[in-house]
C-alpha atoms as a PDB file:
ATOM      1  CA  TYR A   1     171.637  55.771 108.081  1.00  0.00           C
ATOM      2  CA  ASP A   2     169.412  57.953 110.741  1.00  0.00           C
ATOM      3  CA  ILE A   3     165.893  56.842 109.213  1.00  0.00           C
ATOM      4  CA  ILE A   4     164.399  55.028 106.843  1.00  0.00           C
ATOM      5  CA  VAL A   5     161.657  56.771 104.782  1.00  0.00           C
ATOM      6  CA  THR A   6     160.041  54.337 101.828  1.00  0.00           C
ATOM      7  CA  ASN A   7     157.030  53.269 100.504  1.00  0.00           C
ATOM      8  CA  PRO A   8     157.615  49.797 100.196  1.00  0.00           C
ATOM      9  CA  PRO A   9     155.675  47.266  98.592  1.00  0.00           C
ATOM     10  CA  TYR A  10     152.067  46.540 100.154  1.00  0.00           C
ATOM     11  CA  SER A  11     152.060  42.821 100.256  1.00  0.00           C
ATOM     12  CA  ASP A  12     155.448  42.877 102.255  1.00  0.00           C
ATOM     13  CA  LYS A  13     154.798  45.682 104.831  1.00  0.00           C
ATOM     14  CA  ASP A  14     154.539  43.470 107.622  1.00  0.00           C
ATOM     15  CA  ALA A  15     157.719  42.622 106.835  1.00  0.00           C
ATOM     16  CA  PHE A  16     159.100  45.832 106.428  1.00  0.00           C
ATOM     17  CA  ILE A  17     157.590  47.114 109.322  1.00  0.00           C
ATOM     18  CA  GLU A  18     159.137  44.418 111.736  1.00  0.00           C
ATOM     19  CA  ARG A  19     162.610  44.753 110.139  1.00  0.00           C
ATOM     20  CA  CYS A  20     161.912  48.638 111.242  1.00  0.00           C
ATOM     21  CA  TYR A  21     161.494  47.312 114.948  1.00  0.00           C
ATOM     22  CA  GLU A  22     164.634  45.226 114.395  1.00  0.00           C
ATOM     23  CA  LEU A  23     166.667  47.288 113.427  1.00  0.00           C
ATOM     24  CA  LYS A  24     166.094  50.014 116.382  1.00  0.00           C
ATOM     25  CA  LYS A  25     165.691  52.755 113.716  1.00  0.00           C
ATOM     26  CA  ASP A  26     163.128  55.811 113.371  1.00  0.00           C
ATOM     27  CA  PHE A  27     161.063  55.183 110.613  1.00  0.00           C
ATOM     28  CA  ALA A  28     158.532  56.604 108.531  1.00  0.00           C
ATOM     29  CA  LEU A  29     156.315  53.955 106.201  1.00  0.00           C
ATOM     30  CA  LEU A  30     153.567  55.147 103.366  1.00  0.00           C
ATOM     31  CA  LEU A  31     151.210  52.744 103.464  1.00  0.00           C
ATOM     32  CA  PRO A  32     147.407  52.050 102.680  1.00  0.00           C
ATOM     33  CA  MET A  33     145.654  52.900 105.354  1.00  0.00           C
ATOM     34  CA  THR A  34     144.279  49.360 106.355  1.00  0.00           C
ATOM     35  CA  ALA A  35     148.011  48.901 107.529  1.00  0.00           C
ATOM     36  CA  GLU A  36     146.959  50.783 110.723  1.00  0.00           C
ATOM     37  CA  ALA A  37     145.230  47.043 111.914  1.00  0.00           C
ATOM     38  CA  GLY A  38     145.821  43.486 111.414  1.00  0.00           C
ATOM     39  CA  VAL A  39     146.804  41.101 114.430  1.00  0.00           C
ATOM     40  CA  ASN A  40     150.340  40.933 113.250  1.00  0.00           C
ATOM     41  CA  ARG A  41     150.823  44.886 112.769  1.00  0.00           C
ATOM     42  CA  VAL A  42     148.915  46.017 116.607  1.00  0.00           C
ATOM     43  CA  ARG A  43     151.021  43.836 118.115  1.00  0.00           C
ATOM     44  CA  MET A  44     154.150  44.995 117.116  1.00  0.00           C
ATOM     45  CA  TYR A  45     152.799  48.833 117.507  1.00  0.00           C
ATOM     46  CA  ARG A  46     151.718  48.002 120.806  1.00  0.00           C
ATOM     47  CA  GLN A  47     154.989  47.030 121.615  1.00  0.00           C
ATOM     48  CA  HIS A  48     157.186  49.328 119.998  1.00  0.00           C
ATOM     49  CA  GLY A  49     154.858  52.048 119.480  1.00  0.00           C
ATOM     50  CA  ILE A  50     153.797  53.501 116.455  1.00  0.00           C
ATOM     51  CA  GLY A  51     152.405  56.934 115.740  1.00  0.00           C
ATOM     52  CA  VAL A  52     150.185  58.186 112.274  1.00  0.00           C
ATOM     53  CA  ILE A  53     150.011  60.641 109.625  1.00  0.00           C
ATOM     54  CA  VAL A  54     146.807  61.292 108.520  1.00  0.00           C
ATOM     55  CA  PHE A  55     146.349  62.810 105.101  1.00  0.00           C
ATOM     56  CA  ASP A  56     142.355  64.921 103.878  1.00  0.00           C
ATOM     57  CA  ARG A  57     142.960  62.858 100.998  1.00  0.00           C
ATOM     58  CA  ARG A  58     143.961  60.626  98.552  1.00  0.00           C
ATOM     59  CA  VAL A  59     147.597  60.711  97.734  1.00  0.00           C
ATOM     60  CA  ASN A  60     147.857  61.038  93.924  1.00  0.00           C
ATOM     61  CA  TYR A  61     150.457  58.797  92.884  1.00  0.00           C
ATOM     62  CA  THR A  62     150.672  59.136  88.957  1.00  0.00           C
ATOM     63  CA  ALA A  63     150.051  62.393  88.060  1.00  0.00           C
ATOM     64  CA  LYS A  64     146.861  60.799  86.390  1.00  0.00           C
ATOM     65  CA  ASN A  65     144.013  59.857  89.097  1.00  0.00           C
ATOM     66  CA  ALA A  66     144.196  59.588  92.482  1.00  0.00           C
ATOM     67  CA  ASN A  67     144.157  55.755  93.298  1.00  0.00           C
ATOM     68  CA  TRP A  68     141.324  53.895  94.983  1.00  0.00           C
ATOM     69  CA  PHE A  69     142.671  53.950  98.520  1.00  0.00           C
ATOM     70  CA  TYR A  70     143.747  56.051 100.931  1.00  0.00           C
ATOM     71  CA  SER A  71     147.664  56.037 102.204  1.00  0.00           C
ATOM     72  CA  VAL A  72     149.118  57.260 105.855  1.00  0.00           C
ATOM     73  CA  TRP A  73     152.436  57.640 106.833  1.00  0.00           C
ATOM     74  CA  MET A  74     153.071  54.499 109.795  1.00  0.00           C
ATOM     75  CA  CYS A  75     155.381  56.401 112.027  1.00  0.00           C
ATOM     76  CA  HIS A  76     157.877  55.351 115.087  1.00  0.00           C
ATOM     77  CA  TRP A  77     160.863  57.989 116.796  1.00  0.00           C
ATOM     78  CA  GLU A  78     160.714  59.278 119.770  1.00  0.00           C
ATOM     79  CA  GLY A  79     158.196  62.536 120.176  1.00  0.00           C
ATOM     80  CA  ILE A  80     155.820  61.143 117.486  1.00  0.00           C
ATOM     81  CA  ASP A  81     154.308  57.460 119.050  1.00  0.00           C
ATOM     82  CA  GLY A  82     150.599  57.305 119.431  1.00  0.00           C
ATOM     83  CA  LYS A  83     149.592  59.813 117.972  1.00  0.00           C
ATOM     84  CA  ILE A  84     147.699  61.149 115.101  1.00  0.00           C
ATOM     85  CA  PHE A  85     148.586  63.757 112.813  1.00  0.00           C
ATOM     86  CA  PHE A  86     145.651  64.815 110.835  1.00  0.00           C
ATOM     87  CA  GLU A  87     146.867  66.862 107.380  1.00  0.00           C
ATOM     88  CA  THR A  88     145.594  68.814 104.589  1.00  0.00           C
ATOM     89  CA  LEU A  89     146.978  67.751 100.969  1.00  0.00           C
ATOM     90  CA  ARG A  90     147.248  70.075  98.129  1.00  0.00           C
ATOM     91  CA  LYS A  91     145.008  70.059  95.592  1.00  0.00           C
ATOM     92  CA  GLU A  92     146.954  70.062  92.466  1.00  0.00           C
ATOM     93  CA  LYS A  93     146.341  71.743  89.581  1.00  0.00           C
END
């Protein structure tokens, strides 16, 4: 495989992020916006690099109501590290 793209269990997000860096693979992890902060995560981001894709609204995972929290893609690959992208989500009808 060339890249890891997943929505890991949020309770294990630190372990997933750390494992992605250990594997030395490019990755995109769909995580709660709060994954941008935290002592261990910030240490890893500084050491290895990270890019973030931020949405203008909450992601609707269930086709019923949007979640109560915001999600972001935490990404690591050449050309994205150190950048923040702001994207518009289509509003579902």
